[in-house]
Amino acid sequence: MKPYKIGYTTGVFDLFHVGHLNILKRAKEQCEYLIVGVSTDELVEQYKNKRPVIPHSERMEIVGGIKHVDIVVPQTNRDKFSAWEKLKFNVLFVGDDWKGDPLFNEVEKDFCQVGVDIVYFPYTKGVSSSELKQKIKYKEKVIG
């Protein structure tokens, strides 16, 4: 028996890498049913000021193809409480790089009042979509 019935996690999932896989795998180990929100291109532009390399529809398809994921939904805003109101999950899974962030401090307070847990997973060191983009740029310069 897993500790949670319905789990939820979100991300951009651009240039899918092992860190993405790790959070999805760990989340599914903790819940019976895993919902994954994939940030829309517009949302990413709004808070990161850059457009993902891979279009939203393709990122949804990639994440949906992962065996640990039960359903994929578009994430159109960063309001985790409104996501809970719609999806009614028992737990939110997030990387520990967000722990202590003002956004998640507020989310923790809101979720505490409705009995939703937040589980922080260790961030996979040395890999991120941003780092992959930097490596690609570097190799393009070197190779020419």
N, C-alpha and C. Protein backbone atom coordinates (compact mmCIF):
# COMPACT_ATOMS: atom_id res chain seq x y z
N MET A 1 0.84 -1.19 0.00
CA MET A 1 0.00 0.00 0.00
C MET A 1 0.89 1.26 0.00
N LYS A 2 0.59 2.16 -0.89
CA LYS A 2 1.38 3.39 -0.99
C LYS A 2 0.80 4.43 -0.03
N PRO A 3 1.64 5.36 0.43
CA PRO A 3 1.17 6.33 1.43
C PRO A 3 0.07 7.28 0.95
N TYR A 4 0.00 7.53 -0.36
CA TYR A 4 -0.98 8.49 -0.89
C TYR A 4 -1.78 7.88 -2.03
N LYS A 5 -3.02 8.34 -2.15
CA LYS A 5 -3.88 7.87 -3.23
C LYS A 5 -3.59 8.64 -4.53
N ILE A 6 -3.71 9.97 -4.47
CA ILE A 6 -3.53 10.80 -5.67
C ILE A 6 -2.40 11.81 -5.44
N GLY A 7 -1.41 11.76 -6.31
CA GLY A 7 -0.30 12.68 -6.23
C GLY A 7 -0.28 13.62 -7.42
N TYR A 8 0.37 14.76 -7.24
CA TYR A 8 0.46 15.77 -8.29
C TYR A 8 1.84 16.38 -8.29
N THR A 9 2.39 16.57 -9.47
CA THR A 9 3.63 17.30 -9.62
C THR A 9 3.55 18.08 -10.92
N THR A 10 4.37 19.09 -11.02
CA THR A 10 4.36 19.92 -12.22
C THR A 10 5.77 20.21 -12.68
N GLY A 11 5.87 20.67 -13.90
CA GLY A 11 7.16 21.08 -14.43
C GLY A 11 7.03 21.55 -15.86
N VAL A 12 8.13 22.09 -16.34
CA VAL A 12 8.20 22.48 -17.75
C VAL A 12 8.50 21.24 -18.58
N PHE A 13 9.43 20.42 -18.10
CA PHE A 13 9.83 19.18 -18.76
C PHE A 13 10.38 19.45 -20.16
N ASP A 14 11.12 20.54 -20.30
CA ASP A 14 11.77 20.85 -21.57
C ASP A 14 13.08 20.07 -21.63
N LEU A 15 13.43 19.57 -22.79
CA LEU A 15 14.64 18.76 -22.96
C LEU A 15 14.66 17.68 -21.86
N PHE A 16 13.70 16.80 -21.89
CA PHE A 16 13.48 15.78 -20.85
C PHE A 16 14.80 15.07 -20.51
N HIS A 17 15.09 14.99 -19.22
CA HIS A 17 16.36 14.41 -18.75
C HIS A 17 16.13 13.55 -17.51
N VAL A 18 17.20 12.97 -17.01
CA VAL A 18 17.10 12.01 -15.90
C VAL A 18 16.55 12.65 -14.62
N GLY A 19 16.76 13.93 -14.41
CA GLY A 19 16.19 14.61 -13.25
C GLY A 19 14.67 14.61 -13.31
N HIS A 20 14.13 14.83 -14.51
CA HIS A 20 12.68 14.75 -14.69
C HIS A 20 12.19 13.33 -14.38
N LEU A 21 12.89 12.36 -14.94
CA LEU A 21 12.50 10.97 -14.73
C LEU A 21 12.54 10.61 -13.25
N ASN A 22 13.57 11.07 -12.55
CA ASN A 22 13.71 10.78 -11.13
C ASN A 22 12.52 11.27 -10.32
N ILE A 23 12.08 12.50 -10.56
CA ILE A 23 10.95 13.03 -9.77
C ILE A 23 9.67 12.28 -10.09
N LEU A 24 9.46 11.92 -11.35
CA LEU A 24 8.25 11.17 -11.72
C LEU A 24 8.27 9.77 -11.12
N LYS A 25 9.41 9.13 -11.16
CA LYS A 25 9.55 7.78 -10.59
C LYS A 25 9.33 7.81 -9.08
N ARG A 26 9.98 8.74 -8.40
CA ARG A 26 9.84 8.83 -6.94
C ARG A 26 8.41 9.17 -6.54
N ALA A 27 7.79 10.05 -7.32
CA ALA A 27 6.40 10.42 -7.01
C ALA A 27 5.48 9.20 -7.13
N LYS A 28 5.64 8.44 -8.20
CA LYS A 28 4.78 7.27 -8.41
C LYS A 28 5.00 6.20 -7.34
N GLU A 29 6.20 6.14 -6.79
CA GLU A 29 6.47 5.20 -5.70
C GLU A 29 5.66 5.55 -4.46
N GLN A 30 5.24 6.81 -4.35
CA GLN A 30 4.53 7.30 -3.16
C GLN A 30 3.01 7.36 -3.31
N CYS A 31 2.50 7.20 -4.56
CA CYS A 31 1.05 7.35 -4.74
C CYS A 31 0.51 6.33 -5.73
N GLU A 32 -0.78 6.06 -5.59
CA GLU A 32 -1.45 5.11 -6.48
C GLU A 32 -1.67 5.69 -7.87
N TYR A 33 -1.97 7.00 -7.93
CA TYR A 33 -2.34 7.65 -9.17
C TYR A 33 -1.58 8.97 -9.26
N LEU A 34 -0.81 9.15 -10.32
CA LEU A 34 0.03 10.35 -10.46
C LEU A 34 -0.47 11.24 -11.59
N ILE A 35 -0.80 12.48 -11.23
CA ILE A 35 -1.19 13.51 -12.18
C ILE A 35 0.02 14.44 -12.37
N VAL A 36 0.35 14.73 -13.61
CA VAL A 36 1.49 15.62 -13.89
C VAL A 36 1.00 16.82 -14.69
N GLY A 37 1.26 18.00 -14.16
CA GLY A 37 0.97 19.25 -14.86
C GLY A 37 2.18 19.68 -15.67
N VAL A 38 1.99 19.92 -16.95
CA VAL A 38 3.07 20.38 -17.82
C VAL A 38 2.81 21.85 -18.15
N SER A 39 3.74 22.71 -17.78
CA SER A 39 3.58 24.15 -17.99
C SER A 39 3.43 24.49 -19.46
N THR A 40 2.45 25.35 -19.75
CA THR A 40 2.26 25.80 -21.13
C THR A 40 3.40 26.72 -21.54
N ASP A 41 3.58 26.87 -22.83
CA ASP A 41 4.62 27.77 -23.35
C ASP A 41 4.41 29.19 -22.82
N GLU A 42 3.15 29.64 -22.79
CA GLU A 42 2.83 30.99 -22.33
C GLU A 42 3.19 31.18 -20.85
N LEU A 43 2.92 30.16 -20.03
CA LEU A 43 3.26 30.26 -18.62
C LEU A 43 4.77 30.34 -18.43
N VAL A 44 5.50 29.53 -19.16
CA VAL A 44 6.97 29.54 -19.05
C VAL A 44 7.51 30.90 -19.45
N GLU A 45 7.00 31.44 -20.54
CA GLU A 45 7.43 32.77 -20.98
C GLU A 45 7.13 33.82 -19.91
N GLN A 46 5.99 33.68 -19.27
CA GLN A 46 5.56 34.64 -18.26
C GLN A 46 6.51 34.68 -17.06
N TYR A 47 6.93 33.52 -16.55
CA TYR A 47 7.74 33.55 -15.32
C TYR A 47 9.22 33.26 -15.52
N LYS A 48 9.60 32.74 -16.68
CA LYS A 48 11.03 32.51 -16.94
C LYS A 48 11.58 33.42 -18.03
N ASN A 49 10.70 34.15 -18.68
CA ASN A 49 11.08 35.05 -19.76
C ASN A 49 11.82 34.36 -20.90
N LYS A 50 11.45 33.11 -21.14
CA LYS A 50 12.00 32.39 -22.30
C LYS A 50 11.01 31.32 -22.72
N ARG A 51 11.08 30.98 -23.98
CA ARG A 51 10.17 29.98 -24.54
C ARG A 51 10.87 28.62 -24.49
N PRO A 52 10.14 27.56 -24.13
CA PRO A 52 10.74 26.21 -24.14
C PRO A 52 11.20 25.83 -25.55
N VAL A 53 12.19 24.98 -25.63
CA VAL A 53 12.69 24.48 -26.91
C VAL A 53 11.64 23.56 -27.54
N ILE A 54 11.07 22.70 -26.73
CA ILE A 54 10.08 21.72 -27.21
C ILE A 54 8.69 22.30 -26.97
N PRO A 55 7.82 22.33 -28.00
CA PRO A 55 6.48 22.89 -27.83
C PRO A 55 5.66 22.12 -26.78
N HIS A 56 4.71 22.83 -26.17
CA HIS A 56 3.89 22.29 -25.10
C HIS A 56 3.22 20.97 -25.48
N SER A 57 2.62 20.89 -26.65
CA SER A 57 1.91 19.66 -27.03
C SER A 57 2.86 18.47 -27.07
N GLU A 58 4.08 18.67 -27.52
CA GLU A 58 5.06 17.58 -27.56
C GLU A 58 5.56 17.22 -26.17
N ARG A 59 5.74 18.22 -25.31
CA ARG A 59 6.15 17.93 -23.93
C ARG A 59 5.07 17.15 -23.20
N MET A 60 3.80 17.50 -23.46
CA MET A 60 2.67 16.74 -22.88
C MET A 60 2.74 15.29 -23.34
N GLU A 61 3.00 15.07 -24.61
CA GLU A 61 3.06 13.72 -25.15
C GLU A 61 4.24 12.93 -24.57
N ILE A 62 5.38 13.58 -24.44
CA ILE A 62 6.56 12.92 -23.86
C ILE A 62 6.28 12.49 -22.42
N VAL A 63 5.80 13.42 -21.61
CA VAL A 63 5.53 13.11 -20.20
C VAL A 63 4.44 12.05 -20.08
N GLY A 64 3.42 12.15 -20.93
CA GLY A 64 2.36 11.16 -20.91
C GLY A 64 2.81 9.76 -21.29
N GLY A 65 3.92 9.67 -22.00
CA GLY A 65 4.47 8.38 -22.41
C GLY A 65 5.32 7.71 -21.35
N ILE A 66 5.57 8.38 -20.25
CA ILE A 66 6.38 7.82 -19.17
C ILE A 66 5.51 6.87 -18.35
N LYS A 67 6.01 5.68 -18.09
CA LYS A 67 5.19 4.65 -17.42
C LYS A 67 4.76 5.02 -16.01
N HIS A 68 5.43 5.95 -15.38
CA HIS A 68 5.09 6.34 -14.00
C HIS A 68 3.92 7.32 -13.95
N VAL A 69 3.54 7.87 -15.09
CA VAL A 69 2.54 8.93 -15.16
C VAL A 69 1.18 8.35 -15.54
N ASP A 70 0.16 8.68 -14.76
CA ASP A 70 -1.20 8.20 -15.06
C ASP A 70 -1.97 9.16 -15.95
N ILE A 71 -1.82 10.45 -15.72
CA ILE A 71 -2.50 11.43 -16.56
C ILE A 71 -1.68 12.72 -16.59
N VAL A 72 -1.73 13.40 -17.73
CA VAL A 72 -1.03 14.67 -17.91
C VAL A 72 -2.07 15.75 -18.13
N VAL A 73 -1.87 16.90 -17.47
CA VAL A 73 -2.77 18.04 -17.64
C VAL A 73 -1.93 19.28 -17.92
N PRO A 74 -2.48 20.23 -18.66
CA PRO A 74 -1.74 21.48 -18.87
C PRO A 74 -1.71 22.29 -17.58
N GLN A 75 -0.56 22.87 -17.30
CA GLN A 75 -0.46 23.81 -16.17
C GLN A 75 -0.45 25.21 -16.76
N THR A 76 -1.54 25.94 -16.55
CA THR A 76 -1.69 27.26 -17.16
C THR A 76 -1.35 28.41 -16.20
N ASN A 77 -1.20 28.07 -14.91
CA ASN A 77 -0.76 29.07 -13.93
C ASN A 77 0.00 28.35 -12.82
N ARG A 78 0.61 29.11 -11.94
CA ARG A 78 1.43 28.50 -10.88
C ARG A 78 0.67 28.35 -9.57
N ASP A 79 -0.63 28.56 -9.59
CA ASP A 79 -1.46 28.50 -8.39
C ASP A 79 -1.76 27.03 -8.05
N LYS A 80 -0.98 26.48 -7.13
CA LYS A 80 -1.15 25.07 -6.77
C LYS A 80 -2.46 24.81 -6.03
N PHE A 81 -2.95 25.80 -5.31
CA PHE A 81 -4.21 25.61 -4.59
C PHE A 81 -5.38 25.48 -5.57
N SER A 82 -5.38 26.28 -6.61
CA SER A 82 -6.47 26.16 -7.60
C SER A 82 -6.36 24.82 -8.33
N ALA A 83 -5.14 24.33 -8.52
CA ALA A 83 -4.96 22.99 -9.11
C ALA A 83 -5.57 21.94 -8.19
N TRP A 84 -5.33 22.09 -6.87
CA TRP A 84 -5.91 21.14 -5.92
C TRP A 84 -7.44 21.19 -5.94
N GLU A 85 -7.99 22.40 -6.02
CA GLU A 85 -9.45 22.53 -6.05
C GLU A 85 -10.05 21.78 -7.24
N LYS A 86 -9.33 21.75 -8.33
CA LYS A 86 -9.81 21.08 -9.53
C LYS A 86 -9.51 19.57 -9.51
N LEU A 87 -8.31 19.19 -9.06
CA LEU A 87 -7.83 17.80 -9.19
C LEU A 87 -7.96 16.97 -7.92
N LYS A 88 -8.08 17.61 -6.77
CA LYS A 88 -8.28 16.94 -5.47
C LYS A 88 -7.21 15.88 -5.15
N PHE A 89 -5.95 16.24 -5.32
CA PHE A 89 -4.86 15.35 -4.96
C PHE A 89 -4.59 15.40 -3.47
N ASN A 90 -3.92 14.36 -2.95
CA ASN A 90 -3.60 14.27 -1.52
C ASN A 90 -2.21 14.79 -1.19
N VAL A 91 -1.36 14.86 -2.23
CA VAL A 91 0.03 15.23 -2.00
C VAL A 91 0.57 15.92 -3.24
N LEU A 92 1.41 16.92 -2.99
CA LEU A 92 2.14 17.62 -4.05
C LEU A 92 3.60 17.22 -3.93
N PHE A 93 4.18 16.77 -5.03
CA PHE A 93 5.59 16.42 -5.06
C PHE A 93 6.36 17.52 -5.77
N VAL A 94 7.49 17.88 -5.18
CA VAL A 94 8.27 18.98 -5.75
C VAL A 94 9.74 18.77 -5.42
N GLY A 95 10.61 19.33 -6.24
CA GLY A 95 12.05 19.24 -5.99
C GLY A 95 12.43 20.10 -4.79
N ASP A 96 13.43 19.65 -4.04
CA ASP A 96 13.80 20.38 -2.82
C ASP A 96 14.49 21.72 -3.12
N ASP A 97 14.76 22.00 -4.39
CA ASP A 97 15.28 23.31 -4.74
C ASP A 97 14.23 24.40 -4.52
N TRP A 98 12.95 24.01 -4.37
CA TRP A 98 11.86 24.96 -4.10
C TRP A 98 11.61 25.15 -2.61
N LYS A 99 12.19 24.31 -1.76
CA LYS A 99 11.93 24.42 -0.31
C LYS A 99 12.42 25.78 0.19
N GLY A 100 11.54 26.47 0.91
CA GLY A 100 11.89 27.78 1.44
C GLY A 100 11.56 28.93 0.49
N ASP A 101 11.21 28.62 -0.75
CA ASP A 101 10.81 29.65 -1.71
C ASP A 101 9.50 30.28 -1.23
N PRO A 102 9.37 31.60 -1.33
CA PRO A 102 8.14 32.26 -0.85
C PRO A 102 6.86 31.66 -1.45
N LEU A 103 6.89 31.28 -2.72
CA LEU A 103 5.72 30.66 -3.36
C LEU A 103 5.32 29.39 -2.61
N PHE A 104 6.29 28.54 -2.29
CA PHE A 104 5.97 27.28 -1.64
C PHE A 104 5.72 27.43 -0.15
N ASN A 105 6.27 28.45 0.49
CA ASN A 105 5.92 28.72 1.89
C ASN A 105 4.42 29.00 1.99
N GLU A 106 3.90 29.75 1.04
CA GLU A 106 2.47 30.07 1.01
C GLU A 106 1.64 28.82 0.69
N VAL A 107 2.11 28.04 -0.26
CA VAL A 107 1.42 26.80 -0.64
C VAL A 107 1.34 25.85 0.56
N GLU A 108 2.44 25.74 1.30
CA GLU A 108 2.45 24.87 2.49
C GLU A 108 1.36 25.29 3.48
N LYS A 109 1.22 26.59 3.71
CA LYS A 109 0.19 27.08 4.65
C LYS A 109 -1.21 26.73 4.15
N ASP A 110 -1.45 26.99 2.86
CA ASP A 110 -2.76 26.71 2.28
C ASP A 110 -3.09 25.22 2.33
N PHE A 111 -2.13 24.40 1.96
CA PHE A 111 -2.36 22.96 1.92
C PHE A 111 -2.53 22.37 3.32
N CYS A 112 -1.83 22.91 4.27
CA CYS A 112 -1.96 22.43 5.65
C CYS A 112 -3.42 22.52 6.11
N GLN A 113 -4.12 23.56 5.71
CA GLN A 113 -5.51 23.77 6.12
C GLN A 113 -6.48 22.77 5.49
N VAL A 114 -6.09 22.15 4.37
CA VAL A 114 -6.98 21.19 3.70
C VAL A 114 -6.45 19.76 3.74
N GLY A 115 -5.37 19.54 4.50
CA GLY A 115 -4.85 18.19 4.69
C GLY A 115 -4.06 17.63 3.52
N VAL A 116 -3.47 18.50 2.71
CA VAL A 116 -2.64 18.05 1.60
C VAL A 116 -1.17 18.17 2.01
N ASP A 117 -0.42 17.11 1.81
CA ASP A 117 1.01 17.11 2.14
C ASP A 117 1.82 17.61 0.96
N ILE A 118 3.01 18.12 1.28
CA ILE A 118 4.00 18.44 0.25
C ILE A 118 5.22 17.59 0.56
N VAL A 119 5.66 16.83 -0.44
CA VAL A 119 6.86 16.01 -0.30
C VAL A 119 7.92 16.61 -1.21
N TYR A 120 9.05 16.96 -0.60
CA TYR A 120 10.18 17.52 -1.35
C TYR A 120 11.18 16.41 -1.65
N PHE A 121 11.48 16.22 -2.92
CA PHE A 121 12.46 15.22 -3.33
C PHE A 121 13.80 15.90 -3.59
N PRO A 122 14.90 15.17 -3.33
CA PRO A 122 16.22 15.75 -3.60
C PRO A 122 16.35 16.10 -5.09
N TYR A 123 16.85 17.29 -5.32
CA TYR A 123 17.10 17.76 -6.68
C TYR A 123 18.24 16.93 -7.27
N THR A 124 18.10 16.49 -8.51
CA THR A 124 19.16 15.72 -9.16
C THR A 124 20.28 16.68 -9.54
N LYS A 125 21.39 16.59 -8.85
CA LYS A 125 22.51 17.50 -9.07
C LYS A 125 23.14 17.29 -10.44
N GLY A 126 23.57 18.38 -11.02
CA GLY A 126 24.36 18.31 -12.26
C GLY A 126 23.56 18.15 -13.53
N VAL A 127 22.23 18.20 -13.44
CA VAL A 127 21.45 18.09 -14.66
C VAL A 127 20.21 18.98 -14.57
N SER A 128 20.03 19.78 -15.60
CA SER A 128 18.83 20.60 -15.73
C SER A 128 18.70 20.97 -17.20
N SER A 129 17.51 21.36 -17.59
CA SER A 129 17.31 21.77 -18.98
C SER A 129 18.19 22.98 -19.31
N SER A 130 18.32 23.90 -18.35
CA SER A 130 19.16 25.08 -18.57
C SER A 130 20.62 24.68 -18.79
N GLU A 131 21.10 23.72 -17.99
CA GLU A 131 22.48 23.25 -18.16
C GLU A 131 22.66 22.55 -19.50
N LEU A 132 21.66 21.77 -19.90
CA LEU A 132 21.74 21.11 -21.21
C LEU A 132 21.81 22.13 -22.33
N LYS A 133 21.02 23.20 -22.24
CA LYS A 133 21.04 24.25 -23.26
C LYS A 133 22.42 24.91 -23.32
N GLN A 134 23.04 25.14 -22.15
CA GLN A 134 24.38 25.73 -22.11
C GLN A 134 25.41 24.81 -22.77
N LYS A 135 25.31 23.51 -22.48
CA LYS A 135 26.24 22.54 -23.08
C LYS A 135 26.08 22.52 -24.60
N ILE A 136 24.85 22.58 -25.07
CA ILE A 136 24.60 22.58 -26.51
C ILE A 136 25.21 23.83 -27.14
N LYS A 137 25.01 24.99 -26.53
CA LYS A 137 25.58 26.24 -27.05
C LYS A 137 27.10 26.16 -27.09
N TYR A 138 27.70 25.61 -26.02
CA TYR A 138 29.16 25.49 -25.95
C TYR A 138 29.68 24.59 -27.07
N LYS A 139 29.02 23.44 -27.25
CA LYS A 139 29.46 22.50 -28.30
C LYS A 139 29.30 23.10 -29.70
N GLU A 140 28.23 23.91 -29.87
CA GLU A 140 28.05 24.57 -31.17
C GLU A 140 29.18 25.52 -31.46
N LYS A 141 29.65 26.24 -30.41
CA LYS A 141 30.78 27.18 -30.58
C LYS A 141 32.07 26.43 -30.88
N VAL A 142 32.31 25.35 -30.17
CA VAL A 142 33.54 24.58 -30.33
C VAL A 142 33.60 23.90 -31.68
N ILE A 143 32.49 23.26 -32.06
CA ILE A 143 32.44 22.50 -33.31
C ILE A 143 32.28 23.45 -34.50
N GLY A 144 31.57 24.52 -34.26
CA GLY A 144 31.46 25.55 -35.27
C GLY A 144 30.34 25.48 -36.17
